[in-house]
């Protein structure tokens, strides 16, 4: 495992994350051991054709779970968004 003086261990280099595409070029990548949930964009390198994951932001499990409202708020928000999306879909 590589160590970076600035960032310490790079969990994305030592653990294979599970990636779920959530849009044409967007995805979520989960690292269970490190407790990180990355949201980002999938881009294809023009020269190599290799896909790269560009991180937009990260949710940290320890920070979220140690927060007084974090988990409950996020769970409620996701439920609300899903209900709104389903209602919009039913209207079409």
N, C-alpha and C. Protein backbone atom coordinates (compact mmCIF):
# COMPACT_ATOMS: atom_id res chain seq x y z
N UNK A 1 0.84 -1.17 0.00
CA UNK A 1 0.00 0.00 0.00
C UNK A 1 0.90 1.24 0.00
N UNK A 2 0.62 2.18 -0.88
CA UNK A 2 1.40 3.41 -0.97
C UNK A 2 1.01 4.37 0.15
N UNK A 3 1.98 5.15 0.58
CA UNK A 3 1.70 6.18 1.57
C UNK A 3 2.02 7.52 0.96
N UNK A 4 1.15 8.47 1.11
CA UNK A 4 1.34 9.82 0.62
C UNK A 4 1.53 10.71 1.83
N UNK A 5 2.59 11.53 1.83
CA UNK A 5 2.88 12.37 3.00
C UNK A 5 1.74 13.31 3.33
N UNK A 6 1.06 13.80 2.31
CA UNK A 6 -0.02 14.75 2.53
C UNK A 6 -1.32 14.08 2.96
N UNK A 7 -1.66 12.99 2.31
CA UNK A 7 -2.97 12.38 2.52
C UNK A 7 -2.94 11.06 3.28
N UNK A 8 -1.77 10.53 3.63
CA UNK A 8 -1.71 9.25 4.32
C UNK A 8 -1.99 8.13 3.33
N UNK A 9 -2.61 7.06 3.80
CA UNK A 9 -2.93 5.94 2.92
C UNK A 9 -4.04 6.33 1.94
N UNK A 10 -3.85 5.93 0.70
CA UNK A 10 -4.87 6.20 -0.32
C UNK A 10 -5.77 4.97 -0.39
N UNK A 11 -6.95 5.06 0.22
CA UNK A 11 -7.85 3.92 0.30
C UNK A 11 -8.26 3.43 -1.08
N UNK A 12 -8.35 4.33 -2.06
CA UNK A 12 -8.78 3.94 -3.40
C UNK A 12 -7.71 3.14 -4.12
N UNK A 13 -6.48 3.13 -3.61
CA UNK A 13 -5.42 2.31 -4.20
C UNK A 13 -5.29 0.97 -3.49
N UNK A 14 -5.79 0.86 -2.27
CA UNK A 14 -5.63 -0.37 -1.51
C UNK A 14 -6.92 -1.19 -1.40
N UNK A 15 -8.04 -0.63 -1.84
CA UNK A 15 -9.33 -1.33 -1.77
C UNK A 15 -10.06 -1.11 -3.09
N UNK A 16 -10.61 -2.18 -3.62
CA UNK A 16 -11.38 -2.05 -4.86
C UNK A 16 -12.81 -1.62 -4.50
N UNK A 17 -13.20 -0.46 -4.97
CA UNK A 17 -14.52 0.04 -4.67
C UNK A 17 -15.57 -0.52 -5.60
N UNK A 18 -16.79 -0.56 -5.12
CA UNK A 18 -17.92 -0.97 -5.95
C UNK A 18 -18.49 0.29 -6.60
N UNK A 19 -18.65 0.25 -7.93
CA UNK A 19 -19.11 1.42 -8.67
C UNK A 19 -20.50 1.17 -9.23
N UNK A 20 -21.39 2.14 -9.04
CA UNK A 20 -22.75 2.08 -9.57
C UNK A 20 -22.98 3.33 -10.40
N UNK A 21 -23.30 3.14 -11.68
CA UNK A 21 -23.59 4.28 -12.54
C UNK A 21 -24.97 4.83 -12.20
N UNK A 22 -25.08 6.15 -12.10
CA UNK A 22 -26.36 6.77 -11.74
C UNK A 22 -26.83 7.76 -12.80
N UNK A 23 -26.14 7.80 -13.90
CA UNK A 23 -26.50 8.70 -14.99
C UNK A 23 -25.60 8.42 -16.17
N UNK A 24 -25.74 9.19 -17.23
CA UNK A 24 -24.94 8.94 -18.43
C UNK A 24 -23.43 8.96 -18.16
N UNK A 25 -22.97 9.84 -17.30
CA UNK A 25 -21.54 9.92 -16.99
C UNK A 25 -21.29 10.04 -15.49
N UNK A 26 -22.30 9.84 -14.67
CA UNK A 26 -22.16 9.98 -13.22
C UNK A 26 -22.19 8.62 -12.56
N UNK A 27 -21.51 8.55 -11.40
CA UNK A 27 -21.47 7.28 -10.68
C UNK A 27 -21.21 7.52 -9.20
N UNK A 28 -21.49 6.47 -8.43
CA UNK A 28 -21.18 6.43 -7.00
C UNK A 28 -20.21 5.26 -6.83
N UNK A 29 -19.17 5.50 -6.04
CA UNK A 29 -18.20 4.45 -5.76
C UNK A 29 -18.12 4.28 -4.25
N UNK A 30 -18.31 3.02 -3.79
CA UNK A 30 -18.33 2.73 -2.35
C UNK A 30 -17.11 1.92 -1.95
N UNK A 31 -16.46 2.37 -0.87
CA UNK A 31 -15.33 1.67 -0.28
C UNK A 31 -15.74 1.28 1.14
N UNK A 32 -16.17 0.02 1.32
CA UNK A 32 -16.69 -0.43 2.60
C UNK A 32 -15.66 -0.40 3.72
N UNK A 33 -14.47 -0.91 3.47
CA UNK A 33 -13.46 -0.97 4.52
C UNK A 33 -13.06 0.44 4.96
N UNK A 34 -12.81 1.31 4.00
CA UNK A 34 -12.40 2.69 4.32
C UNK A 34 -13.57 3.54 4.81
N UNK A 35 -14.79 3.13 4.50
CA UNK A 35 -15.95 3.90 4.93
C UNK A 35 -16.12 5.19 4.16
N UNK A 36 -15.93 5.12 2.85
CA UNK A 36 -16.04 6.30 2.00
C UNK A 36 -17.03 6.03 0.88
N UNK A 37 -17.81 7.04 0.57
CA UNK A 37 -18.75 6.98 -0.54
C UNK A 37 -18.41 8.16 -1.45
N UNK A 38 -17.91 7.85 -2.64
CA UNK A 38 -17.49 8.90 -3.57
C UNK A 38 -18.57 9.11 -4.64
N UNK A 39 -18.84 10.36 -4.93
CA UNK A 39 -19.72 10.72 -6.03
C UNK A 39 -18.85 11.39 -7.08
N UNK A 40 -19.05 11.01 -8.35
CA UNK A 40 -18.19 11.60 -9.35
C UNK A 40 -18.67 11.40 -10.77
N UNK A 41 -17.76 11.71 -11.68
CA UNK A 41 -18.01 11.65 -13.12
C UNK A 41 -17.08 10.62 -13.74
N UNK A 42 -17.60 9.87 -14.70
CA UNK A 42 -16.78 8.92 -15.43
C UNK A 42 -16.41 9.56 -16.77
N UNK A 43 -15.11 9.70 -17.00
CA UNK A 43 -14.61 10.27 -18.25
C UNK A 43 -13.74 9.26 -18.96
N UNK A 44 -13.78 9.27 -20.28
CA UNK A 44 -12.94 8.38 -21.07
C UNK A 44 -11.73 9.16 -21.56
N UNK A 45 -10.54 8.63 -21.30
CA UNK A 45 -9.30 9.26 -21.75
C UNK A 45 -9.23 9.18 -23.27
N UNK A 46 -9.03 10.30 -23.92
CA UNK A 46 -9.02 10.34 -25.39
C UNK A 46 -7.86 9.56 -25.99
N UNK A 47 -6.74 9.55 -25.31
CA UNK A 47 -5.55 8.88 -25.84
C UNK A 47 -5.57 7.37 -25.60
N UNK A 48 -5.92 6.96 -24.40
CA UNK A 48 -5.85 5.53 -24.05
C UNK A 48 -7.20 4.83 -24.14
N UNK A 49 -8.29 5.59 -24.11
CA UNK A 49 -9.63 5.00 -24.10
C UNK A 49 -10.02 4.46 -22.74
N UNK A 50 -9.13 4.62 -21.77
CA UNK A 50 -9.37 4.14 -20.41
C UNK A 50 -10.36 5.05 -19.69
N UNK A 51 -11.26 4.44 -18.91
CA UNK A 51 -12.21 5.24 -18.14
C UNK A 51 -11.56 5.71 -16.85
N UNK A 52 -11.82 6.96 -16.49
CA UNK A 52 -11.31 7.53 -15.25
C UNK A 52 -12.48 8.02 -14.42
N UNK A 53 -12.36 7.86 -13.12
CA UNK A 53 -13.39 8.33 -12.20
C UNK A 53 -12.89 9.63 -11.58
N UNK A 54 -13.58 10.72 -11.85
CA UNK A 54 -13.22 12.03 -11.31
C UNK A 54 -14.15 12.31 -10.12
N UNK A 55 -13.58 12.41 -8.93
CA UNK A 55 -14.36 12.58 -7.71
C UNK A 55 -14.86 14.01 -7.58
N UNK A 56 -16.17 14.16 -7.36
CA UNK A 56 -16.76 15.48 -7.10
C UNK A 56 -16.81 15.74 -5.60
N UNK A 57 -17.26 14.74 -4.84
CA UNK A 57 -17.26 14.87 -3.38
C UNK A 57 -17.36 13.49 -2.74
N UNK A 58 -17.06 13.45 -1.44
CA UNK A 58 -16.98 12.20 -0.70
C UNK A 58 -17.79 12.33 0.59
N UNK A 59 -18.52 11.27 0.93
CA UNK A 59 -19.16 11.19 2.24
C UNK A 59 -18.35 10.20 3.06
N UNK A 60 -17.97 10.60 4.26
CA UNK A 60 -17.19 9.77 5.16
C UNK A 60 -18.12 9.13 6.19
N UNK A 61 -18.05 7.81 6.29
CA UNK A 61 -18.95 7.07 7.20
C UNK A 61 -18.80 7.54 8.64
N UNK A 62 -17.57 7.68 9.13
CA UNK A 62 -17.36 8.09 10.52
C UNK A 62 -17.95 9.46 10.80
N UNK A 63 -17.73 10.39 9.89
CA UNK A 63 -18.27 11.74 10.09
C UNK A 63 -19.79 11.73 10.04
N UNK A 64 -20.35 11.01 9.07
CA UNK A 64 -21.81 10.97 8.92
C UNK A 64 -22.47 10.31 10.13
N UNK A 65 -21.93 9.16 10.55
CA UNK A 65 -22.55 8.40 11.64
C UNK A 65 -22.34 9.03 13.01
N UNK A 66 -21.27 9.80 13.17
CA UNK A 66 -21.03 10.44 14.47
C UNK A 66 -21.80 11.75 14.60
N UNK A 67 -22.38 12.18 13.51
CA UNK A 67 -23.19 13.40 13.51
C UNK A 67 -24.54 13.12 14.18
N UNK A 68 -25.06 14.10 14.88
CA UNK A 68 -26.34 13.95 15.57
C UNK A 68 -27.48 13.67 14.59
N UNK A 69 -27.50 14.34 13.45
CA UNK A 69 -28.62 14.21 12.51
C UNK A 69 -28.24 13.61 11.17
N UNK A 70 -26.96 13.42 10.90
CA UNK A 70 -26.48 13.06 9.56
C UNK A 70 -27.20 11.91 8.89
N UNK A 71 -27.19 10.74 9.51
CA UNK A 71 -27.76 9.55 8.89
C UNK A 71 -29.27 9.70 8.70
N UNK A 72 -29.96 10.14 9.74
CA UNK A 72 -31.42 10.30 9.66
C UNK A 72 -31.80 11.31 8.58
N UNK A 73 -31.06 12.41 8.51
CA UNK A 73 -31.36 13.43 7.51
C UNK A 73 -31.15 12.88 6.11
N UNK A 74 -30.02 12.22 5.88
CA UNK A 74 -29.73 11.69 4.55
C UNK A 74 -30.74 10.63 4.14
N UNK A 75 -31.08 9.73 5.07
CA UNK A 75 -32.07 8.68 4.79
C UNK A 75 -33.42 9.31 4.44
N UNK A 76 -33.84 10.30 5.22
CA UNK A 76 -35.12 10.96 4.97
C UNK A 76 -35.12 11.71 3.64
N UNK A 77 -34.02 12.36 3.34
CA UNK A 77 -33.91 13.10 2.09
C UNK A 77 -34.00 12.17 0.89
N UNK A 78 -33.29 11.06 0.94
CA UNK A 78 -33.34 10.10 -0.16
C UNK A 78 -34.74 9.51 -0.34
N UNK A 79 -35.41 9.21 0.76
CA UNK A 79 -36.79 8.71 0.68
C UNK A 79 -37.70 9.75 0.05
N UNK A 80 -37.53 11.00 0.46
CA UNK A 80 -38.33 12.10 -0.08
C UNK A 80 -38.08 12.27 -1.58
N UNK A 81 -36.82 12.25 -1.98
CA UNK A 81 -36.48 12.41 -3.40
C UNK A 81 -37.07 11.26 -4.23
N UNK A 82 -37.01 10.05 -3.69
CA UNK A 82 -37.54 8.90 -4.42
C UNK A 82 -39.06 9.04 -4.59
N UNK A 83 -39.74 9.47 -3.55
CA UNK A 83 -41.19 9.68 -3.63
C UNK A 83 -41.53 10.76 -4.65
N UNK A 84 -40.76 11.86 -4.66
CA UNK A 84 -40.99 12.94 -5.62
C UNK A 84 -40.76 12.44 -7.05
N UNK A 85 -39.70 11.67 -7.25
CA UNK A 85 -39.37 11.15 -8.57
C UNK A 85 -40.47 10.21 -9.06
N UNK A 86 -40.95 9.33 -8.17
CA UNK A 86 -42.02 8.41 -8.54
C UNK A 86 -43.31 9.16 -8.87
N UNK A 87 -43.62 10.20 -8.13
CA UNK A 87 -44.83 11.01 -8.39
C UNK A 87 -44.71 11.70 -9.75
N UNK A 88 -43.54 12.24 -10.06
CA UNK A 88 -43.33 12.88 -11.37
C UNK A 88 -43.45 11.85 -12.50
N UNK A 89 -42.90 10.67 -12.29
CA UNK A 89 -42.95 9.61 -13.30
C UNK A 89 -44.39 9.17 -13.53
N UNK A 90 -45.18 9.09 -12.45
CA UNK A 90 -46.59 8.68 -12.57
C UNK A 90 -47.42 9.72 -13.30
N UNK A 91 -47.02 11.00 -13.22
CA UNK A 91 -47.74 12.08 -13.88
C UNK A 91 -47.54 12.06 -15.40
N UNK A 92 -46.45 11.44 -15.85
CA UNK A 92 -46.16 11.42 -17.31
C UNK A 92 -47.01 10.47 -18.06
